[in-house]
PDB file of all heavy atoms in Angstrom:
ATOM      1  N   THR A   1     194.956 153.255  98.912  1.00  0.00           N
ATOM      2  CA  THR A   1     194.200 154.489  99.017  1.00  0.00           C
ATOM      3  C   THR A   1     194.857 155.584  98.199  1.00  0.00           C
ATOM      4  O   THR A   1     196.085 155.683  98.152  1.00  0.00           O
ATOM      5  CB  THR A   1     194.089 154.940 100.479  1.00  0.00           C
ATOM      6  OG1 THR A   1     193.404 153.939 101.236  1.00  0.00           O
ATOM      7  CG2 THR A   1     193.320 156.250 100.584  1.00  0.00           C
ATOM      8  N   VAL A   2     194.036 156.404  97.559  1.00  0.00           N
ATOM      9  CA  VAL A   2     194.491 157.587  96.845  1.00  0.00           C
ATOM     10  C   VAL A   2     193.864 158.809  97.497  1.00  0.00           C
ATOM     11  O   VAL A   2     192.672 158.798  97.819  1.00  0.00           O
ATOM     12  CB  VAL A   2     194.119 157.523  95.357  1.00  0.00           C
ATOM     13  CG1 VAL A   2     194.540 158.807  94.648  1.00  0.00           C
ATOM     14  CG2 VAL A   2     194.771 156.323  94.703  1.00  0.00           C
ATOM     15  N   LEU A   3     194.657 159.846  97.675  1.00  0.00           N
ATOM     16  CA  LEU A   3     194.192 161.069  98.308  1.00  0.00           C
ATOM     17  C   LEU A   3     194.268 162.230  97.343  1.00  0.00           C
ATOM     18  O   LEU A   3     195.109 162.263  96.447  1.00  0.00           O
ATOM     19  CB  LEU A   3     195.022 161.389  99.550  1.00  0.00           C
ATOM     20  CG  LEU A   3     195.093 160.330 100.647  1.00  0.00           C
ATOM     21  CD1 LEU A   3     196.025 160.795 101.759  1.00  0.00           C
ATOM     22  CD2 LEU A   3     193.705 160.036 101.200  1.00  0.00           C
ATOM     23  N   LEU A   4     193.391 163.191  97.531  1.00  0.00           N
ATOM     24  CA  LEU A   4     193.454 164.454  96.807  1.00  0.00           C
ATOM     25  C   LEU A   4     193.327 165.570  97.825  1.00  0.00           C
ATOM     26  O   LEU A   4     192.235 165.818  98.344  1.00  0.00           O
ATOM     27  CB  LEU A   4     192.354 164.562  95.751  1.00  0.00           C
ATOM     28  CG  LEU A   4     192.416 165.827  94.893  1.00  0.00           C
ATOM     29  CD1 LEU A   4     193.663 165.790  93.996  1.00  0.00           C
ATOM     30  CD2 LEU A   4     191.162 165.978  94.046  1.00  0.00           C
ATOM     31  N   GLN A   5     194.444 166.214  98.130  1.00  0.00           N
ATOM     32  CA  GLN A   5     194.454 167.348  99.029  1.00  0.00           C
ATOM     33  C   GLN A   5     194.155 168.605  98.232  1.00  0.00           C
ATOM     34  O   GLN A   5     194.877 168.932  97.291  1.00  0.00           O
ATOM     35  CB  GLN A   5     195.810 167.473  99.727  1.00  0.00           C
ATOM     36  CG  GLN A   5     195.930 168.656 100.672  1.00  0.00           C
ATOM     37  CD  GLN A   5     195.005 168.544 101.863  1.00  0.00           C
ATOM     38  OE1 GLN A   5     194.945 167.493 102.498  1.00  0.00           O
ATOM     39  NE2 GLN A   5     194.279 169.608 102.156  1.00  0.00           N
ATOM     40  N   MET A   6     193.105 169.311  98.600  1.00  0.00           N
ATOM     41  CA  MET A   6     192.666 170.491  97.877  1.00  0.00           C
ATOM     42  C   MET A   6     192.784 171.710  98.784  1.00  0.00           C
ATOM     43  O   MET A   6     192.124 171.783  99.823  1.00  0.00           O
ATOM     44  CB  MET A   6     191.227 170.323  97.387  1.00  0.00           C
ATOM     45  CG  MET A   6     191.008 169.071  96.550  1.00  0.00           C
ATOM     46  SD  MET A   6     189.334 168.957  95.875  1.00  0.00           S
ATOM     47  CE  MET A   6     188.392 168.769  97.393  1.00  0.00           C
ATOM     48  N   ASN A   7     193.617 172.645  98.387  1.00  0.00           N
ATOM     49  CA  ASN A   7     193.826 173.876  99.140  1.00  0.00           C
ATOM     50  C   ASN A   7     193.399 175.079  98.308  1.00  0.00           C
ATOM     51  O   ASN A   7     193.264 174.997  97.090  1.00  0.00           O
ATOM     52  CB  ASN A   7     195.294 174.021  99.545  1.00  0.00           C
ATOM     53  CG  ASN A   7     195.779 172.904 100.423  1.00  0.00           C
ATOM     54  OD1 ASN A   7     195.046 172.388 101.264  1.00  0.00           O
ATOM     55  ND2 ASN A   7     197.044 172.515 100.252  1.00  0.00           N
ATOM     56  N   SER A   8     193.213 176.198  98.978  1.00  0.00           N
ATOM     57  CA  SER A   8     192.828 177.448  98.308  1.00  0.00           C
ATOM     58  C   SER A   8     191.653 177.235  97.367  1.00  0.00           C
ATOM     59  O   SER A   8     191.668 177.657  96.208  1.00  0.00           O
ATOM     60  CB  SER A   8     194.028 178.030  97.549  1.00  0.00           C
ATOM     61  OG  SER A   8     195.115 178.265  98.417  1.00  0.00           O
ATOM     62  N   LEU A   9     190.635 176.594  97.863  1.00  0.00           N
ATOM     63  CA  LEU A   9     189.497 176.221  97.032  1.00  0.00           C
ATOM     64  C   LEU A   9     188.736 177.445  96.540  1.00  0.00           C
ATOM     65  O   LEU A   9     188.602 178.446  97.243  1.00  0.00           O
ATOM     66  CB  LEU A   9     188.572 175.293  97.799  1.00  0.00           C
ATOM     67  CG  LEU A   9     189.081 173.854  97.924  1.00  0.00           C
ATOM     68  CD1 LEU A   9     188.342 173.114  99.021  1.00  0.00           C
ATOM     69  CD2 LEU A   9     188.931 173.130  96.590  1.00  0.00           C
ATOM     70  N   LYS A  10     188.237 177.330  95.322  1.00  0.00           N
ATOM     71  CA  LYS A  10     187.483 178.377  94.660  1.00  0.00           C
ATOM     72  C   LYS A  10     186.080 177.882  94.343  1.00  0.00           C
ATOM     73  O   LYS A  10     185.857 176.675  94.228  1.00  0.00           O
ATOM     74  CB  LYS A  10     188.178 178.798  93.357  1.00  0.00           C
ATOM     75  CG  LYS A  10     189.633 179.186  93.508  1.00  0.00           C
ATOM     76  CD  LYS A  10     190.256 179.437  92.147  1.00  0.00           C
ATOM     77  CE  LYS A  10     191.715 179.818  92.268  1.00  0.00           C
ATOM     78  NZ  LYS A  10     192.333 180.045  90.929  1.00  0.00           N
ATOM     79  N   PRO A  11     185.128 178.788  94.171  1.00  0.00           N
ATOM     80  CA  PRO A  11     183.781 178.351  93.770  1.00  0.00           C
ATOM     81  C   PRO A  11     183.778 177.513  92.496  1.00  0.00           C
ATOM     82  O   PRO A  11     182.944 176.608  92.363  1.00  0.00           O
ATOM     83  CB  PRO A  11     183.037 179.674  93.578  1.00  0.00           C
ATOM     84  CG  PRO A  11     183.707 180.610  94.529  1.00  0.00           C
ATOM     85  CD  PRO A  11     185.164 180.224  94.490  1.00  0.00           C
ATOM     86  N   ASP A  12     184.702 177.784  91.580  1.00  0.00           N
ATOM     87  CA  ASP A  12     184.779 177.016  90.341  1.00  0.00           C
ATOM     88  C   ASP A  12     185.202 175.571  90.566  1.00  0.00           C
ATOM     89  O   ASP A  12     185.095 174.748  89.659  1.00  0.00           O
ATOM     90  CB  ASP A  12     185.743 177.680  89.357  1.00  0.00           C
ATOM     91  CG  ASP A  12     185.168 178.925  88.710  1.00  0.00           C
ATOM     92  OD1 ASP A  12     183.951 179.145  88.821  1.00  0.00           O
ATOM     93  OD2 ASP A  12     185.937 179.676  88.082  1.00  0.00           O
ATOM     94  N   ASP A  13     185.695 175.262  91.757  1.00  0.00           N
ATOM     95  CA  ASP A  13     186.056 173.882  92.078  1.00  0.00           C
ATOM     96  C   ASP A  13     184.843 173.041  92.448  1.00  0.00           C
ATOM     97  O   ASP A  13     184.963 171.827  92.620  1.00  0.00           O
ATOM     98  CB  ASP A  13     187.064 173.842  93.228  1.00  0.00           C
ATOM     99  CG  ASP A  13     188.397 174.471  92.869  1.00  0.00           C
ATOM    100  OD1 ASP A  13     188.865 174.274  91.731  1.00  0.00           O
ATOM    101  OD2 ASP A  13     188.973 175.169  93.734  1.00  0.00           O
ATOM    102  N   THR A  14     183.698 173.664  92.594  1.00  0.00           N
ATOM    103  CA  THR A  14     182.479 172.945  92.943  1.00  0.00           C
ATOM    104  C   THR A  14     182.142 171.920  91.868  1.00  0.00           C
ATOM    105  O   THR A  14     182.014 172.263  90.690  1.00  0.00           O
ATOM    106  CB  THR A  14     181.309 173.915  93.122  1.00  0.00           C
ATOM    107  OG1 THR A  14     181.575 174.790  94.222  1.00  0.00           O
ATOM    108  CG2 THR A  14     180.019 173.161  93.395  1.00  0.00           C
ATOM    109  N   ALA A  15     182.017 170.667  92.275  1.00  0.00           N
ATOM    110  CA  ALA A  15     181.753 169.588  91.330  1.00  0.00           C
ATOM    111  C   ALA A  15     181.612 168.282  92.097  1.00  0.00           C
ATOM    112  O   ALA A  15     181.893 168.206  93.296  1.00  0.00           O
ATOM    113  CB  ALA A  15     182.887 169.472  90.309  1.00  0.00           C
ATOM    114  N   VAL A  16     181.173 167.263  91.385  1.00  0.00           N
ATOM    115  CA  VAL A  16     181.268 165.907  91.897  1.00  0.00           C
ATOM    116  C   VAL A  16     182.626 165.368  91.490  1.00  0.00           C
ATOM    117  O   VAL A  16     182.988 165.407  90.316  1.00  0.00           O
ATOM    118  CB  VAL A  16     180.146 165.006  91.353  1.00  0.00           C
ATOM    119  CG1 VAL A  16     180.325 163.574  91.848  1.00  0.00           C
ATOM    120  CG2 VAL A  16     178.784 165.543  91.769  1.00  0.00           C
ATOM    121  N   TYR A  17     183.374 164.891  92.454  1.00  0.00           N
ATOM    122  CA  TYR A  17     184.717 164.394  92.205  1.00  0.00           C
ATOM    123  C   TYR A  17     184.710 162.877  92.166  1.00  0.00           C
ATOM    124  O   TYR A  17     184.161 162.221  93.055  1.00  0.00           O
ATOM    125  CB  TYR A  17     185.677 164.890  93.287  1.00  0.00           C
ATOM    126  CG  TYR A  17     186.074 166.329  93.098  1.00  0.00           C
ATOM    127  CD1 TYR A  17     185.164 167.354  93.326  1.00  0.00           C
ATOM    128  CD2 TYR A  17     187.355 166.677  92.666  1.00  0.00           C
ATOM    129  CE1 TYR A  17     185.509 168.680  93.131  1.00  0.00           C
ATOM    130  CE2 TYR A  17     187.708 167.992  92.476  1.00  0.00           C
ATOM    131  CZ  TYR A  17     186.781 168.994  92.713  1.00  0.00           C
ATOM    132  OH  TYR A  17     187.140 170.307  92.520  1.00  0.00           O
ATOM    133  N   TYR A  18     185.338 162.326  91.134  1.00  0.00           N
ATOM    134  CA  TYR A  18     185.363 160.889  90.910  1.00  0.00           C
ATOM    135  C   TYR A  18     186.785 160.353  90.949  1.00  0.00           C
ATOM    136  O   TYR A  18     187.696 160.943  90.369  1.00  0.00           O
ATOM    137  CB  TYR A  18     184.761 160.533  89.548  1.00  0.00           C
ATOM    138  CG  TYR A  18     183.309 160.903  89.382  1.00  0.00           C
ATOM    139  CD1 TYR A  18     182.940 162.136  88.874  1.00  0.00           C
ATOM    140  CD2 TYR A  18     182.310 160.003  89.733  1.00  0.00           C
ATOM    141  CE1 TYR A  18     181.607 162.473  88.718  1.00  0.00           C
ATOM    142  CE2 TYR A  18     180.978 160.336  89.579  1.00  0.00           C
ATOM    143  CZ  TYR A  18     180.639 161.571  89.069  1.00  0.00           C
ATOM    144  OH  TYR A  18     179.315 161.901  88.910  1.00  0.00           O
ATOM    145  N   CYS A  19     186.941 159.243  91.619  1.00  0.00           N
ATOM    146  CA  CYS A  19     188.195 158.507  91.614  1.00  0.00           C
ATOM    147  C   CYS A  19     188.154 157.483  90.491  1.00  0.00           C
ATOM    148  O   CYS A  19     187.115 156.859  90.244  1.00  0.00           O
ATOM    149  CB  CYS A  19     188.393 157.815  92.966  1.00  0.00           C
ATOM    150  SG  CYS A  19     189.886 156.822  93.106  1.00  0.00           S
ATOM    151  N   SER A  20     189.264 157.310  89.796  1.00  0.00           N
ATOM    152  CA  SER A  20     189.316 156.332  88.723  1.00  0.00           C
ATOM    153  C   SER A  20     190.655 155.615  88.723  1.00  0.00           C
ATOM    154  O   SER A  20     191.646 156.096  89.280  1.00  0.00           O
ATOM    155  CB  SER A  20     189.062 156.993  87.365  1.00  0.00           C
ATOM    156  OG  SER A  20     190.098 157.908  87.050  1.00  0.00           O
ATOM    157  N   ALA A  21     190.674 154.460  88.078  1.00  0.00           N
ATOM    158  CA  ALA A  21     191.876 153.645  88.024  1.00  0.00           C
ATOM    159  C   ALA A  21     191.965 152.969  86.671  1.00  0.00           C
ATOM    160  O   ALA A  21     190.952 152.714  86.018  1.00  0.00           O
ATOM    161  CB  ALA A  21     191.883 152.601  89.133  1.00  0.00           C
ATOM    162  N   GLY A  22     193.179 152.663  86.257  1.00  0.00           N
ATOM    163  CA  GLY A  22     193.360 151.989  84.993  1.00  0.00           C
ATOM    164  C   GLY A  22     194.771 151.467  84.821  1.00  0.00           C
ATOM    165  O   GLY A  22     195.662 151.763  85.621  1.00  0.00           O
ATOM    166  N   ARG A  23     194.947 150.708  83.788  1.00  0.00           N
ATOM    167  CA  ARG A  23     196.242 150.120  83.476  1.00  0.00           C
ATOM    168  C   ARG A  23     196.936 150.902  82.368  1.00  0.00           C
ATOM    169  O   ARG A  23     196.297 151.306  81.395  1.00  0.00           O
ATOM    170  CB  ARG A  23     196.077 148.666  83.046  1.00  0.00           C
ATOM    171  CG  ARG A  23     195.544 147.745  84.137  1.00  0.00           C
ATOM    172  CD  ARG A  23     195.382 146.332  83.603  1.00  0.00           C
ATOM    173  NE  ARG A  23     194.837 145.436  84.612  1.00  0.00           N
ATOM    174  CZ  ARG A  23     195.569 144.706  85.433  1.00  0.00           C
ATOM    175  NH1 ARG A  23     196.898 144.764  85.364  1.00  0.00           N
ATOM    176  NH2 ARG A  23     194.994 143.915  86.318  1.00  0.00           N
ATOM    177  N   ARG A  24     198.231 151.094  82.525  1.00  0.00           N
ATOM    178  CA  ARG A  24     199.021 151.733  81.485  1.00  0.00           C
ATOM    179  C   ARG A  24     199.223 150.752  80.340  1.00  0.00           C
ATOM    180  O   ARG A  24     199.578 149.591  80.552  1.00  0.00           O
ATOM    181  CB  ARG A  24     200.362 152.190  82.034  1.00  0.00           C
ATOM    182  CG  ARG A  24     201.238 152.940  81.032  1.00  0.00           C
ATOM    183  CD  ARG A  24     202.507 153.449  81.691  1.00  0.00           C
ATOM    184  NE  ARG A  24     202.205 154.394  82.743  1.00  0.00           N
ATOM    185  CZ  ARG A  24     201.974 155.685  82.555  1.00  0.00           C
ATOM    186  NH1 ARG A  24     202.009 156.181  81.324  1.00  0.00           N
ATOM    187  NH2 ARG A  24     201.715 156.476  83.572  1.00  0.00           N
ATOM    188  N   ARG A  25     199.009 151.239  79.132  1.00  0.00           N
ATOM    189  CA  ARG A  25     199.141 150.404  77.955  1.00  0.00           C
ATOM    190  C   ARG A  25     200.561 150.474  77.411  1.00  0.00           C
ATOM    191  O   ARG A  25     201.371 151.313  77.810  1.00  0.00           O
ATOM    192  CB  ARG A  25     198.141 150.804  76.868  1.00  0.00           C
ATOM    193  CG  ARG A  25     196.702 150.901  77.345  1.00  0.00           C
ATOM    194  CD  ARG A  25     196.290 149.707  78.218  1.00  0.00           C
ATOM    195  NE  ARG A  25     196.467 148.432  77.560  1.00  0.00           N
ATOM    196  CZ  ARG A  25     195.533 147.808  76.842  1.00  0.00           C
ATOM    197  NH1 ARG A  25     194.326 148.351  76.718  1.00  0.00           N
ATOM    198  NH2 ARG A  25     195.785 146.645  76.275  1.00  0.00           N
ATOM    199  N   ALA A  26     200.851 149.588  76.475  1.00  0.00           N
ATOM    200  CA  ALA A  26     202.203 149.483  75.937  1.00  0.00           C
ATOM    201  C   ALA A  26     202.664 150.758  75.256  1.00  0.00           C
ATOM    202  O   ALA A  26     203.860 151.058  75.246  1.00  0.00           O
ATOM    203  CB  ALA A  26     202.286 148.306  74.967  1.00  0.00           C
ATOM    204  N   TRP A  27     201.739 151.519  74.691  1.00  0.00           N
ATOM    205  CA  TRP A  27     202.101 152.744  73.998  1.00  0.00           C
ATOM    206  C   TRP A  27     202.249 153.939  74.937  1.00  0.00           C
ATOM    207  O   TRP A  27     202.531 155.049  74.470  1.00  0.00           O
ATOM    208  CB  TRP A  27     201.084 153.062  72.905  1.00  0.00           C
ATOM    209  CG  TRP A  27     199.662 153.085  73.379  1.00  0.00           C
ATOM    210  CD1 TRP A  27     198.991 154.148  73.889  1.00  0.00           C
ATOM    211  CD2 TRP A  27     198.751 151.985  73.364  1.00  0.00           C
ATOM    212  NE1 TRP A  27     197.708 153.787  74.198  1.00  0.00           N
ATOM    213  CE2 TRP A  27     197.531 152.465  73.896  1.00  0.00           C
ATOM    214  CE3 TRP A  27     198.842 150.660  72.963  1.00  0.00           C
ATOM    215  CZ2 TRP A  27     196.410 151.663  74.034  1.00  0.00           C
ATOM    216  CZ3 TRP A  27     197.720 149.843  73.099  1.00  0.00           C
ATOM    217  CH2 TRP A  27     196.525 150.350  73.625  1.00  0.00           C
ATOM    218  N   GLY A  28     202.033 153.734  76.227  1.00  0.00           N
ATOM    219  CA  GLY A  28     202.296 154.769  77.203  1.00  0.00           C
ATOM    220  C   GLY A  28     201.099 155.495  77.757  1.00  0.00           C
ATOM    221  O   GLY A  28     201.263 156.312  78.674  1.00  0.00           O
ATOM    222  N   SER A  29     199.913 155.251  77.258  1.00  0.00           N
ATOM    223  CA  SER A  29     198.711 155.895  77.764  1.00  0.00           C
ATOM    224  C   SER A  29     197.976 154.965  78.715  1.00  0.00           C
ATOM    225  O   SER A  29     198.116 153.743  78.654  1.00  0.00           O
ATOM    226  CB  SER A  29     197.794 156.318  76.619  1.00  0.00           C
ATOM    227  OG  SER A  29     197.335 155.192  75.896  1.00  0.00           O
ATOM    228  N   THR A  30     197.174 155.554  79.591  1.00  0.00           N
ATOM    229  CA  THR A  30     196.427 154.804  80.580  1.00  0.00           C
ATOM    230  C   THR A  30     194.942 154.841  80.254  1.00  0.00           C
ATOM    231  O   THR A  30     194.387 155.904  79.982  1.00  0.00           O
ATOM    232  CB  THR A  30     196.649 155.371  81.990  1.00  0.00           C
ATOM    233  OG1 THR A  30     198.040 155.304  82.309  1.00  0.00           O
ATOM    234  CG2 THR A  30     195.859 154.582  83.021  1.00  0.00           C
ATOM    235  N   VAL A  31     194.321 153.690  80.272  1.00  0.00           N
ATOM    236  CA  VAL A  31     192.884 153.588  80.073  1.00  0.00           C
ATOM    237  C   VAL A  31     192.226 153.482  81.444  1.00  0.00           C
ATOM    238  O   VAL A  31     192.376 152.476  82.138  1.00  0.00           O
ATOM    239  CB  VAL A  31     192.519 152.373  79.202  1.00  0.00           C
ATOM    240  CG1 VAL A  31     191.009 152.277  79.052  1.00  0.00           C
ATOM    241  CG2 VAL A  31     193.189 152.471  77.846  1.00  0.00           C
ATOM    242  N   TYR A  32     191.499 154.535  81.826  1.00  0.00           N
ATOM    243  CA  TYR A  32     190.830 154.568  83.127  1.00  0.00           C
ATOM    244  C   TYR A  32     189.451 153.946  82.983  1.00  0.00           C
ATOM    245  O   TYR A  32     188.498 154.615  82.561  1.00  0.00           O
ATOM    246  CB  TYR A  32     190.747 155.998  83.650  1.00  0.00           C
ATOM    247  CG  TYR A  32     192.097 156.601  83.954  1.00  0.00           C
ATOM    248  CD1 TYR A  32     192.696 157.499  83.085  1.00  0.00           C
ATOM    249  CD2 TYR A  32     192.777 156.256  85.118  1.00  0.00           C
ATOM    250  CE1 TYR A  32     193.941 158.036  83.360  1.00  0.00           C
ATOM    251  CE2 TYR A  32     194.020 156.793  85.401  1.00  0.00           C
ATOM    252  CZ  TYR A  32     194.601 157.678  84.522  1.00  0.00           C
ATOM    253  OH  TYR A  32     195.841 158.216  84.798  1.00  0.00           O
ATOM    254  N   ASN A  33     189.344 152.694  83.336  1.00  0.00           N
ATOM    255  CA  ASN A  33     188.095 151.960  83.152  1.00  0.00           C
ATOM    256  C   ASN A  33     187.429 151.532  84.451  1.00  0.00           C
ATOM    257  O   ASN A  33     186.433 150.801  84.417  1.00  0.00           O
ATOM    258  CB  ASN A  33     188.318 150.751  82.246  1.00  0.00           C
ATOM    259  CG  ASN A  33     189.437 149.844  82.734  1.00  0.00           C
ATOM    260  OD1 ASN A  33     190.139 150.150  83.695  1.00  0.00           O
ATOM    261  ND2 ASN A  33     189.608 148.715  82.059  1.00  0.00           N
ATOM    262  N   TYR A  34     187.963 151.953  85.584  1.00  0.00           N
ATOM    263  CA  TYR A  34     187.331 151.721  86.871  1.00  0.00           C
ATOM    264  C   TYR A  34     186.962 153.068  87.476  1.00  0.00           C
ATOM    265  O   TYR A  34     187.762 154.004  87.471  1.00  0.00           O
ATOM    266  CB  TYR A  34     188.257 150.961  87.821  1.00  0.00           C
ATOM    267  CG  TYR A  34     188.691 149.611  87.306  1.00  0.00           C
ATOM    268  CD1 TYR A  34     189.971 149.416  86.821  1.00  0.00           C
ATOM    269  CD2 TYR A  34     187.816 148.526  87.305  1.00  0.00           C
ATOM    270  CE1 TYR A  34     190.375 148.187  86.343  1.00  0.00           C
ATOM    271  CE2 TYR A  34     188.214 147.291  86.826  1.00  0.00           C
ATOM    272  CZ  TYR A  34     189.492 147.123  86.350  1.00  0.00           C
ATOM    273  OH  TYR A  34     189.893 145.899  85.873  1.00  0.00           O
ATOM    274  N   TRP A  35     185.744 153.140  88.017  1.00  0.00           N
ATOM    275  CA  TRP A  35     185.232 154.418  88.519  1.00  0.00           C
ATOM    276  C   TRP A  35     184.498 154.247  89.837  1.00  0.00           C
ATOM    277  O   TRP A  35     183.798 153.257  90.060  1.00  0.00           O
ATOM    278  CB  TRP A  35     184.273 155.055  87.503  1.00  0.00           C
ATOM    279  CG  TRP A  35     184.946 155.442  86.234  1.00  0.00           C
ATOM    280  CD1 TRP A  35     185.170 154.654  85.145  1.00  0.00           C
ATOM    281  CD2 TRP A  35     185.501 156.720  85.925  1.00  0.00           C
ATOM    282  NE1 TRP A  35     185.835 155.366  84.172  1.00  0.00           N
ATOM    283  CE2 TRP A  35     186.046 156.630  84.617  1.00  0.00           C
ATOM    284  CE3 TRP A  35     185.583 157.931  86.625  1.00  0.00           C
ATOM    285  CZ2 TRP A  35     186.669 157.718  84.010  1.00  0.00           C
ATOM    286  CZ3 TRP A  35     186.204 159.004  86.010  1.00  0.00           C
ATOM    287  CH2 TRP A  35     186.736 158.891  84.720  1.00  0.00           C
ATOM    288  N   GLY A  36     184.657 155.237  90.714  1.00  0.00           N
ATOM    289  CA  GLY A  36     183.867 155.294  91.924  1.00  0.00           C
ATOM    290  C   GLY A  36     182.545 155.994  91.677  1.00  0.00           C
ATOM    291  O   GLY A  36     182.243 156.430  90.564  1.00  0.00           O
ATOM    292  N   GLN A  37     181.744 156.117  92.728  1.00  0.00           N
ATOM    293  CA  GLN A  37     180.429 156.742  92.611  1.00  0.00           C
ATOM    294  C   GLN A  37     180.466 158.257  92.710  1.00  0.00           C
ATOM    295  O   GLN A  37     179.502 158.924  92.343  1.00  0.00           O
ATOM    296  CB  GLN A  37     179.489 156.181  93.683  1.00  0.00           C
ATOM    297  CG  GLN A  37     179.191 154.696  93.521  1.00  0.00           C
ATOM    298  CD  GLN A  37     178.534 154.390  92.201  1.00  0.00           C
ATOM    299  OE1 GLN A  37     177.502 154.986  91.864  1.00  0.00           O
ATOM    300  NE2 GLN A  37     179.115 153.483  91.434  1.00  0.00           N
ATOM    301  N   GLY A  38     181.554 158.804  93.196  1.00  0.00           N
ATOM    302  CA  GLY A  38     181.706 160.244  93.275  1.00  0.00           C
ATOM    303  C   GLY A  38     181.368 160.805  94.646  1.00  0.00           C
ATOM    304  O   GLY A  38     180.608 160.217  95.415  1.00  0.00           O
ATOM    305  N   THR A  39     181.946 161.957  94.950  1.00  0.00           N
ATOM    306  CA  THR A  39     181.657 162.670  96.187  1.00  0.00           C
ATOM    307  C   THR A  39     181.525 164.159  95.877  1.00  0.00           C
ATOM    308  O   THR A  39     182.313 164.714  95.120  1.00  0.00           O
ATOM    309  CB  THR A  39     182.752 162.414  97.247  1.00  0.00           C
ATOM    310  OG1 THR A  39     182.394 163.046  98.479  1.00  0.00           O
ATOM    311  CG2 THR A  39     184.112 162.931  96.788  1.00  0.00           C
ATOM    312  N   GLN A  40     180.514 164.787  96.442  1.00  0.00           N
ATOM    313  CA  GLN A  40     180.206 166.181  96.139  1.00  0.00           C
ATOM    314  C   GLN A  40     181.113 167.123  96.907  1.00  0.00           C
ATOM    315  O   GLN A  40     181.274 167.003  98.121  1.00  0.00           O
ATOM    316  CB  GLN A  40     178.745 166.488  96.475  1.00  0.00           C
ATOM    317  CG  GLN A  40     178.349 167.945  96.276  1.00  0.00           C
ATOM    318  CD  GLN A  40     178.299 168.342  94.822  1.00  0.00           C
ATOM    319  OE1 GLN A  40     177.688 167.637  94.007  1.00  0.00           O
ATOM    320  NE2 GLN A  40     178.929 169.467  94.481  1.00  0.00           N
ATOM    321  N   VAL A  41     181.688 168.075  96.194  1.00  0.00           N
ATOM    322  CA  VAL A  41     182.464 169.156  96.792  1.00  0.00           C
ATOM    323  C   VAL A  41     181.792 170.469  96.418  1.00  0.00           C
ATOM    324  O   VAL A  41     181.611 170.760  95.235  1.00  0.00           O
ATOM    325  CB  VAL A  41     183.923 169.157  96.312  1.00  0.00           C
ATOM    326  CG1 VAL A  41     184.652 170.408  96.798  1.00  0.00           C
ATOM    327  CG2 VAL A  41     184.633 167.899  96.792  1.00  0.00           C
ATOM    328  N   THR A  42     181.428 171.244  97.423  1.00  0.00           N
ATOM    329  CA  THR A  42     180.784 172.529  97.192  1.00  0.00           C
ATOM    330  C   THR A  42     181.599 173.620  97.870  1.00  0.00           C
ATOM    331  O   THR A  42     181.835 173.567  99.082  1.00  0.00           O
ATOM    332  CB  THR A  42     179.351 172.546  97.735  1.00  0.00           C
ATOM    333  OG1 THR A  42     178.588 171.510  97.115  1.00  0.00           O
ATOM    334  CG2 THR A  42     178.693 173.893  97.456  1.00  0.00           C
ATOM    335  N   VAL A  43     182.036 174.592  97.086  1.00  0.00           N
ATOM    336  CA  VAL A  43     182.805 175.723  97.593  1.00  0.00           C
ATOM    337  C   VAL A  43     181.925 176.960  97.482  1.00  0.00           C
ATOM    338  O   VAL A  43     181.636 177.431  96.379  1.00  0.00           O
ATOM    339  CB  VAL A  43     184.108 175.921  96.818  1.00  0.00           C
ATOM    340  CG1 VAL A  43     184.931 177.041  97.445  1.00  0.00           C
ATOM    341  CG2 VAL A  43     184.904 174.621  96.791  1.00  0.00           C
TER     342      VAL A  43
END
């Protein structure tokens, strides 16, 4: 499980939030190629 604790929320934080996952490549960057369906956050 991955968590995102959000405090002091602002109206600008309103969005659909997506969880993603990926493997780190040999050159040091991560390719995020797995995605969830998203969850709506409204401030």
